[in-house]
Amino acid sequence: MTVQRRALIVRGGWDGHQPIETTNSMIPFLESNGFEVRVEDSTAVYADADYLATVDLIVQTNTMSTIEADELAGLIAAVRSGTGLGGWHGGIADSYRNSADYLHMIGGQFAHHAAKAPKDQLDGTQADNYLRHTINIVPERADHPIVAGLSDFELETEQYWVLSDDHNDVLASTTVAARDFDAWNRPVTTPAVWTRQWGNGRIFVCTAGHRLEVLDNPNVRTIVERGLLWAAR
């Protein structure tokens, strides 16, 4: 009898990122790849060390939230012991602003997404920050199983500027333009897809995925699906 691997989805935070809709769209894929899926709407599950020890993959979509010390300790311990951790957009790259230890493990923190026009020309909707931009596959990493066979592609959505470090294995990047009304004075290239080894665990992050329609882009969906499988124990 084949023993199923276990995937834990932890979702919540800002509703604008559609944590329920986006994670629900991933459940059939995970199940078809042999995972038994459990869904939690709270980070409290991270404090259950006995359970986390049985989890092969954590999929997290939890934006602009907070986490208790024992929950974060449990999450970090699980990853260091070999549990994979993956996610997209602010659900993983902008999760717990109160925790330097979380940022250290993930390797990238959302800092900004540029507006499409000067402030006095915006209308206060999410679309204010939807820019046409290119996701560039890093040539030296083009054979990595997460991006193999993919070419540079364009999206019209939030373009994440993340603060990161060189422990990441960056698979794709994007370059934020510098316009006359921006505070920065030259283009900035920032990671868009990366992996990270943390102890015995693998971490996968894709910064695209603001809402379901972005996650459903064929390139984004391919990267995220492959990334989750790559990260899993």
C-alpha atoms as a PDB file:
ATOM      1  CA  MET A   1       0.000   0.000   0.000  1.00  0.00           C
ATOM      2  CA  THR A   2       1.360   3.405  -1.009  1.00  0.00           C
ATOM      3  CA  VAL A   3       1.555   5.896   1.846  1.00  0.00           C
ATOM      4  CA  GLN A   4       0.327   9.334   0.798  1.00  0.00           C
ATOM      5  CA  ARG A   5       2.459  12.352   1.445  1.00  0.00           C
ATOM      6  CA  ARG A   6       0.875  15.085   3.524  1.00  0.00           C
ATOM      7  CA  ALA A   7       0.371  18.688   2.477  1.00  0.00           C
ATOM      8  CA  LEU A   8      -0.753  21.372   4.914  1.00  0.00           C
ATOM      9  CA  ILE A   9      -2.320  24.562   3.553  1.00  0.00           C
ATOM     10  CA  VAL A  10      -2.222  27.497   5.961  1.00  0.00           C
ATOM     11  CA  ARG A  11      -4.192  30.471   4.686  1.00  0.00           C
ATOM     12  CA  GLY A  12      -5.546  33.779   5.881  1.00  0.00           C
ATOM     13  CA  GLY A  13      -4.552  37.408   6.201  1.00  0.00           C
ATOM     14  CA  TRP A  14      -5.648  40.079   3.743  1.00  0.00           C
ATOM     15  CA  ASP A  15      -8.698  39.009   1.729  1.00  0.00           C
ATOM     16  CA  GLY A  16      -7.554  40.999  -1.303  1.00  0.00           C
ATOM     17  CA  HIS A  17      -5.111  38.214  -2.124  1.00  0.00           C
ATOM     18  CA  GLN A  18      -7.955  35.688  -2.241  1.00  0.00           C
ATOM     19  CA  PRO A  19      -6.321  33.161   0.110  1.00  0.00           C
ATOM     20  CA  ILE A  20      -9.305  30.814  -0.033  1.00  0.00           C
ATOM     21  CA  GLU A  21      -9.854  30.912  -3.786  1.00  0.00           C
ATOM     22  CA  THR A  22      -6.184  30.573  -4.691  1.00  0.00           C
ATOM     23  CA  THR A  23      -5.446  27.725  -2.307  1.00  0.00           C
ATOM     24  CA  ASN A  24      -8.646  25.910  -3.255  1.00  0.00           C
ATOM     25  CA  SER A  25      -7.441  25.994  -6.848  1.00  0.00           C
ATOM     26  CA  MET A  26      -4.275  24.143  -5.828  1.00  0.00           C
ATOM     27  CA  ILE A  27      -5.924  21.322  -3.875  1.00  0.00           C
ATOM     28  CA  PRO A  28      -6.857  19.162  -6.911  1.00  0.00           C
ATOM     29  CA  PHE A  29      -3.291  19.415  -8.208  1.00  0.00           C
ATOM     30  CA  LEU A  30      -1.817  18.371  -4.885  1.00  0.00           C
ATOM     31  CA  GLU A  31      -4.257  15.491  -4.513  1.00  0.00           C
ATOM     32  CA  SER A  32      -3.550  14.280  -8.042  1.00  0.00           C
ATOM     33  CA  ASN A  33       0.133  14.173  -7.117  1.00  0.00           C
ATOM     34  CA  GLY A  34      -0.427  11.899  -4.159  1.00  0.00           C
ATOM     35  CA  PHE A  35      -0.863  14.366  -1.287  1.00  0.00           C
ATOM     36  CA  GLU A  36      -3.389  14.107   1.487  1.00  0.00           C
ATOM     37  CA  VAL A  37      -4.345  17.763   1.986  1.00  0.00           C
ATOM     38  CA  ARG A  38      -5.284  19.455   5.250  1.00  0.00           C
ATOM     39  CA  VAL A  39      -6.419  23.099   5.297  1.00  0.00           C
ATOM     40  CA  GLU A  40      -6.064  25.418   8.283  1.00  0.00           C
ATOM     41  CA  ASP A  41      -7.219  29.022   8.594  1.00  0.00           C
ATOM     42  CA  SER A  42      -4.914  29.738  11.518  1.00  0.00           C
ATOM     43  CA  THR A  43      -1.181  29.594  12.215  1.00  0.00           C
ATOM     44  CA  ALA A  44      -1.941  27.785  15.485  1.00  0.00           C
ATOM     45  CA  VAL A  45      -1.249  24.491  13.730  1.00  0.00           C
ATOM     46  CA  TYR A  46       2.434  25.440  13.500  1.00  0.00           C
ATOM     47  CA  ALA A  47       2.733  24.910  17.261  1.00  0.00           C
ATOM     48  CA  ASP A  48       1.763  21.232  16.892  1.00  0.00           C
ATOM     49  CA  ALA A  49       5.245  19.736  16.584  1.00  0.00           C
ATOM     50  CA  ASP A  50       4.051  16.134  16.475  1.00  0.00           C
ATOM     51  CA  TYR A  51       1.766  16.834  13.524  1.00  0.00           C
ATOM     52  CA  LEU A  52       4.234  19.021  11.621  1.00  0.00           C
ATOM     53  CA  ALA A  53       6.795  16.237  11.814  1.00  0.00           C
ATOM     54  CA  THR A  54       4.472  14.205   9.566  1.00  0.00           C
ATOM     55  CA  VAL A  55       3.964  16.974   6.990  1.00  0.00           C
ATOM     56  CA  ASP A  56       5.911  16.828   3.717  1.00  0.00           C
ATOM     57  CA  LEU A  57       4.811  20.202   2.308  1.00  0.00           C
ATOM     58  CA  ILE A  58       3.415  23.403   3.783  1.00  0.00           C
ATOM     59  CA  VAL A  59       1.647  25.713   1.325  1.00  0.00           C
ATOM     60  CA  GLN A  60       1.227  29.107   2.971  1.00  0.00           C
ATOM     61  CA  THR A  61      -0.977  31.985   1.799  1.00  0.00           C
ATOM     62  CA  ASN A  62      -1.194  34.354   4.755  1.00  0.00           C
ATOM     63  CA  THR A  63      -0.587  38.035   4.002  1.00  0.00           C
ATOM     64  CA  MET A  64       0.116  40.894   6.415  1.00  0.00           C
ATOM     65  CA  SER A  65      -0.601  38.786   9.459  1.00  0.00           C
ATOM     66  CA  THR A  66       1.195  38.108  12.730  1.00  0.00           C
ATOM     67  CA  ILE A  67       2.477  34.908  14.269  1.00  0.00           C
ATOM     68  CA  GLU A  68       3.037  33.837  17.855  1.00  0.00           C
ATOM     69  CA  ALA A  69       6.534  32.898  19.019  1.00  0.00           C
ATOM     70  CA  ASP A  70       5.711  29.228  19.595  1.00  0.00           C
ATOM     71  CA  GLU A  71       4.020  28.957  16.198  1.00  0.00           C
ATOM     72  CA  LEU A  72       6.994  30.449  14.385  1.00  0.00           C
ATOM     73  CA  ALA A  73       9.392  28.231  16.316  1.00  0.00           C
ATOM     74  CA  GLY A  74       7.378  25.213  15.237  1.00  0.00           C
ATOM     75  CA  LEU A  75       7.357  26.275  11.597  1.00  0.00           C
ATOM     76  CA  ILE A  76      11.105  26.911  11.526  1.00  0.00           C
ATOM     77  CA  ALA A  77      11.839  23.621  13.295  1.00  0.00           C
ATOM     78  CA  ALA A  78       9.706  21.715  10.796  1.00  0.00           C
ATOM     79  CA  VAL A  79      11.431  23.264   7.794  1.00  0.00           C
ATOM     80  CA  ARG A  80      14.884  22.693   9.264  1.00  0.00           C
ATOM     81  CA  SER A  81      13.931  19.053   9.777  1.00  0.00           C
ATOM     82  CA  GLY A  82      12.901  18.590   6.152  1.00  0.00           C
ATOM     83  CA  THR A  83       9.326  19.809   5.675  1.00  0.00           C
ATOM     84  CA  GLY A  84       9.034  21.755   2.424  1.00  0.00           C
ATOM     85  CA  LEU A  85       7.561  25.266   2.443  1.00  0.00           C
ATOM     86  CA  GLY A  86       6.200  27.039  -0.611  1.00  0.00           C
ATOM     87  CA  GLY A  87       3.858  29.761  -1.685  1.00  0.00           C
ATOM     88  CA  TRP A  88       3.235  32.784  -3.835  1.00  0.00           C
ATOM     89  CA  HIS A  89       3.036  36.558  -3.610  1.00  0.00           C
ATOM     90  CA  GLY A  90       2.325  38.220  -0.252  1.00  0.00           C
ATOM     91  CA  GLY A  91       1.070  34.947   1.182  1.00  0.00           C
ATOM     92  CA  ILE A  92       4.666  33.913   1.772  1.00  0.00           C
ATOM     93  CA  ALA A  93       6.799  36.996   1.002  1.00  0.00           C
ATOM     94  CA  ASP A  94       4.771  39.415   3.150  1.00  0.00           C
ATOM     95  CA  SER A  95       3.438  37.215   5.918  1.00  0.00           C
ATOM     96  CA  TYR A  96       4.802  38.119   9.341  1.00  0.00           C
ATOM     97  CA  ARG A  97       6.295  41.584   9.425  1.00  0.00           C
ATOM     98  CA  ASN A  98       6.768  41.226  13.183  1.00  0.00           C
ATOM     99  CA  SER A  99       9.354  38.474  12.797  1.00  0.00           C
ATOM    100  CA  ALA A 100      12.945  38.868  11.652  1.00  0.00           C
ATOM    101  CA  ASP A 101      13.417  35.104  12.067  1.00  0.00           C
ATOM    102  CA  TYR A 102      10.689  34.427   9.511  1.00  0.00           C
ATOM    103  CA  LEU A 103      12.262  36.866   7.056  1.00  0.00           C
ATOM    104  CA  HIS A 104      15.638  35.228   7.596  1.00  0.00           C
ATOM    105  CA  MET A 105      14.222  31.815   6.730  1.00  0.00           C
ATOM    106  CA  ILE A 106      12.194  32.907   3.684  1.00  0.00           C
ATOM    107  CA  GLY A 107      14.954  35.051   2.203  1.00  0.00           C
ATOM    108  CA  GLY A 108      12.806  37.830   0.781  1.00  0.00           C
ATOM    109  CA  GLN A 109      10.410  40.457   2.093  1.00  0.00           C
ATOM    110  CA  PHE A 110       7.961  42.519   0.063  1.00  0.00           C
ATOM    111  CA  ALA A 111       8.988  46.169   0.135  1.00  0.00           C
ATOM    112  CA  HIS A 112       7.018  47.878  -2.624  1.00  0.00           C
ATOM    113  CA  HIS A 113       4.925  47.575  -5.749  1.00  0.00           C
ATOM    114  CA  ALA A 114       5.103  50.608  -7.986  1.00  0.00           C
ATOM    115  CA  ALA A 115       1.973  52.507  -8.935  1.00  0.00           C
ATOM    116  CA  LYS A 116       1.111  52.830 -12.611  1.00  0.00           C
ATOM    117  CA  ALA A 117       0.934  56.639 -12.469  1.00  0.00           C
ATOM    118  CA  PRO A 118       1.618  59.564 -10.127  1.00  0.00           C
ATOM    119  CA  LYS A 119      -0.456  59.573  -6.958  1.00  0.00           C
ATOM    120  CA  ASP A 120      -2.785  62.348  -8.089  1.00  0.00           C
ATOM    121  CA  GLN A 121      -3.826  60.231 -11.093  1.00  0.00           C
ATOM    122  CA  LEU A 122      -4.812  57.115  -9.138  1.00  0.00           C
ATOM    123  CA  ASP A 123      -8.314  56.067  -8.090  1.00  0.00           C
ATOM    124  CA  GLY A 124      -7.580  54.062  -4.938  1.00  0.00           C
ATOM    125  CA  THR A 125      -8.263  50.581  -6.337  1.00  0.00           C
ATOM    126  CA  GLN A 126      -5.976  47.544  -6.529  1.00  0.00           C
ATOM    127  CA  ALA A 127      -5.541  48.238 -10.229  1.00  0.00           C
ATOM    128  CA  ASP A 128      -3.511  51.340  -9.341  1.00  0.00           C
ATOM    129  CA  ASN A 129      -0.571  48.952  -8.924  1.00  0.00           C
ATOM    130  CA  TYR A 130      -1.109  46.756 -11.978  1.00  0.00           C
ATOM    131  CA  LEU A 131       1.846  47.278 -14.298  1.00  0.00           C
ATOM    132  CA  ARG A 132       2.810  45.515 -17.499  1.00  0.00           C
ATOM    133  CA  HIS A 133       6.190  43.945 -16.756  1.00  0.00           C
ATOM    134  CA  THR A 134       8.409  41.060 -17.735  1.00  0.00           C
ATOM    135  CA  ILE A 135       9.444  38.054 -15.680  1.00  0.00           C
ATOM    136  CA  ASN A 136      12.913  37.072 -16.874  1.00  0.00           C
ATOM    137  CA  ILE A 137      14.159  33.507 -16.462  1.00  0.00           C
ATOM    138  CA  VAL A 138      17.748  33.645 -15.167  1.00  0.00           C
ATOM    139  CA  PRO A 139      19.793  32.153 -18.036  1.00  0.00           C
ATOM    140  CA  GLU A 140      22.194  30.309 -15.744  1.00  0.00           C
ATOM    141  CA  ARG A 141      19.260  28.583 -14.008  1.00  0.00           C
ATOM    142  CA  ALA A 142      17.133  27.861 -17.084  1.00  0.00           C
ATOM    143  CA  ASP A 143      17.631  24.114 -16.632  1.00  0.00           C
ATOM    144  CA  HIS A 144      16.240  24.089 -13.087  1.00  0.00           C
ATOM    145  CA  PRO A 145      13.178  21.788 -12.955  1.00  0.00           C
ATOM    146  CA  ILE A 146      10.928  24.637 -11.789  1.00  0.00           C
ATOM    147  CA  VAL A 147      11.556  26.816 -14.857  1.00  0.00           C
ATOM    148  CA  ALA A 148      12.923  24.336 -17.418  1.00  0.00           C
ATOM    149  CA  GLY A 149      11.483  24.959 -20.878  1.00  0.00           C
ATOM    150  CA  LEU A 150       9.950  28.309 -19.950  1.00  0.00           C
ATOM    151  CA  SER A 151      10.806  31.609 -21.622  1.00  0.00           C
ATOM    152  CA  ASP A 152      10.557  35.173 -20.362  1.00  0.00           C
ATOM    153  CA  PHE A 153       6.910  36.209 -20.085  1.00  0.00           C
ATOM    154  CA  GLU A 154       4.829  39.293 -19.412  1.00  0.00           C
ATOM    155  CA  LEU A 155       2.244  39.945 -16.718  1.00  0.00           C
ATOM    156  CA  GLU A 156      -0.032  42.866 -15.935  1.00  0.00           C
ATOM    157  CA  THR A 157      -0.290  42.784 -12.172  1.00  0.00           C
ATOM    158  CA  GLU A 158       1.638  43.946  -9.117  1.00  0.00           C
ATOM    159  CA  GLN A 159       5.374  43.924  -9.719  1.00  0.00           C
ATOM    160  CA  TYR A 160       6.941  42.989  -6.407  1.00  0.00           C
ATOM    161  CA  TRP A 161      10.113  44.697  -5.259  1.00  0.00           C
ATOM    162  CA  VAL A 162      11.531  42.429  -2.561  1.00  0.00           C
ATOM    163  CA  LEU A 163      14.433  42.801  -0.167  1.00  0.00           C
ATOM    164  CA  SER A 164      16.523  39.640  -0.398  1.00  0.00           C
ATOM    165  CA  ASP A 165      19.957  38.101   0.118  1.00  0.00           C
ATOM    166  CA  ASP A 166      22.353  35.956  -1.893  1.00  0.00           C
ATOM    167  CA  HIS A 167      21.569  32.722  -0.069  1.00  0.00           C
ATOM    168  CA  ASN A 168      18.620  32.480  -2.457  1.00  0.00           C
ATOM    169  CA  ASP A 169      18.883  30.531  -5.688  1.00  0.00           C
ATOM    170  CA  VAL A 170      17.119  33.026  -7.960  1.00  0.00           C
ATOM    171  CA  LEU A 171      15.379  31.354 -10.908  1.00  0.00           C
ATOM    172  CA  ALA A 172      13.593  34.401 -12.330  1.00  0.00           C
ATOM    173  CA  SER A 173      13.796  38.136 -11.813  1.00  0.00           C
ATOM    174  CA  THR A 174      11.992  41.301 -12.824  1.00  0.00           C
ATOM    175  CA  THR A 175      13.319  44.821 -13.340  1.00  0.00           C
ATOM    176  CA  VAL A 176      11.408  47.738 -11.836  1.00  0.00           C
ATOM    177  CA  ALA A 177      11.671  50.815 -14.027  1.00  0.00           C
ATOM    178  CA  ALA A 178      12.626  54.258 -12.714  1.00  0.00           C
ATOM    179  CA  ARG A 179      10.251  56.938 -13.936  1.00  0.00           C
ATOM    180  CA  ASP A 180      10.322  60.695 -13.483  1.00  0.00           C
ATOM    181  CA  PHE A 181       7.864  60.574 -10.576  1.00  0.00           C
ATOM    182  CA  ASP A 182       9.514  57.673  -8.698  1.00  0.00           C
ATOM    183  CA  ALA A 183      11.735  58.153  -5.639  1.00  0.00           C
ATOM    184  CA  TRP A 184      14.458  55.847  -6.997  1.00  0.00           C
ATOM    185  CA  ASN A 185      16.663  57.045  -9.840  1.00  0.00           C
ATOM    186  CA  ARG A 186      17.671  53.876 -11.684  1.00  0.00           C
ATOM    187  CA  PRO A 187      16.045  50.537 -12.619  1.00  0.00           C
ATOM    188  CA  VAL A 188      16.136  47.869  -9.910  1.00  0.00           C
ATOM    189  CA  THR A 189      16.281  44.136 -10.633  1.00  0.00           C
ATOM    190  CA  THR A 190      14.615  42.033  -7.946  1.00  0.00           C
ATOM    191  CA  PRO A 191      13.954  38.285  -7.533  1.00  0.00           C
ATOM    192  CA  ALA A 192      10.618  37.019  -8.817  1.00  0.00           C
ATOM    193  CA  VAL A 193      11.091  33.265  -8.274  1.00  0.00           C
ATOM    194  CA  TRP A 194      13.575  31.738  -5.879  1.00  0.00           C
ATOM    195  CA  THR A 195      14.391  28.654  -3.875  1.00  0.00           C
ATOM    196  CA  ARG A 196      16.262  28.401  -0.609  1.00  0.00           C
ATOM    197  CA  GLN A 197      17.689  25.546   1.413  1.00  0.00           C
ATOM    198  CA  TRP A 198      17.028  25.894   5.145  1.00  0.00           C
ATOM    199  CA  GLY A 199      18.455  23.073   7.207  1.00  0.00           C
ATOM    200  CA  ASN A 200      17.086  19.932   5.590  1.00  0.00           C
ATOM    201  CA  GLY A 201      14.064  21.764   4.172  1.00  0.00           C
ATOM    202  CA  ARG A 202      13.452  23.340   0.800  1.00  0.00           C
ATOM    203  CA  ILE A 203      11.709  26.692   0.368  1.00  0.00           C
ATOM    204  CA  PHE A 204      10.041  27.930  -2.827  1.00  0.00           C
ATOM    205  CA  VAL A 205       8.720  31.447  -3.460  1.00  0.00           C
ATOM    206  CA  CYS A 206       6.999  32.965  -6.515  1.00  0.00           C
ATOM    207  CA  THR A 207       6.174  36.652  -6.142  1.00  0.00           C
ATOM    208  CA  ALA A 208       3.493  36.620  -8.853  1.00  0.00           C
ATOM    209  CA  GLY A 209       0.037  35.483  -7.766  1.00  0.00           C
ATOM    210  CA  HIS A 210      -1.801  38.575  -6.526  1.00  0.00           C
ATOM    211  CA  ARG A 211      -5.201  37.063  -7.249  1.00  0.00           C
ATOM    212  CA  LEU A 212      -6.586  33.911  -8.815  1.00  0.00           C
ATOM    213  CA  GLU A 213      -6.484  35.307 -12.345  1.00  0.00           C
ATOM    214  CA  VAL A 214      -2.716  35.858 -11.995  1.00  0.00           C
ATOM    215  CA  LEU A 215      -2.143  32.428 -10.496  1.00  0.00           C
ATOM    216  CA  ASP A 216      -4.091  31.033 -13.451  1.00  0.00           C
ATOM    217  CA  ASN A 217      -1.633  32.497 -15.954  1.00  0.00           C
ATOM    218  CA  PRO A 218      -0.146  29.350 -17.567  1.00  0.00           C
ATOM    219  CA  ASN A 219       3.450  30.368 -16.826  1.00  0.00           C
ATOM    220  CA  VAL A 220       2.719  31.286 -13.217  1.00  0.00           C
ATOM    221  CA  ARG A 221       0.656  28.158 -12.630  1.00  0.00           C
ATOM    222  CA  THR A 222       3.415  25.978 -14.075  1.00  0.00           C
ATOM    223  CA  ILE A 223       6.075  27.605 -11.907  1.00  0.00           C
ATOM    224  CA  VAL A 224       3.992  27.338  -8.734  1.00  0.00           C
ATOM    225  CA  GLU A 225       2.949  23.730  -9.309  1.00  0.00           C
ATOM    226  CA  ARG A 226       6.497  22.666 -10.091  1.00  0.00           C
ATOM    227  CA  GLY A 227       7.822  24.703  -7.184  1.00  0.00           C
ATOM    228  CA  LEU A 228       5.546  23.057  -4.657  1.00  0.00           C
ATOM    229  CA  LEU A 229       6.504  19.584  -5.860  1.00  0.00           C
ATOM    230  CA  TRP A 230      10.179  20.548  -5.782  1.00  0.00           C
ATOM    231  CA  ALA A 231       9.933  21.830  -2.211  1.00  0.00           C
ATOM    232  CA  ALA A 232       8.080  18.825  -0.818  1.00  0.00           C
ATOM    233  CA  ARG A 233       9.998  16.338   1.285  1.00  0.00           C
END
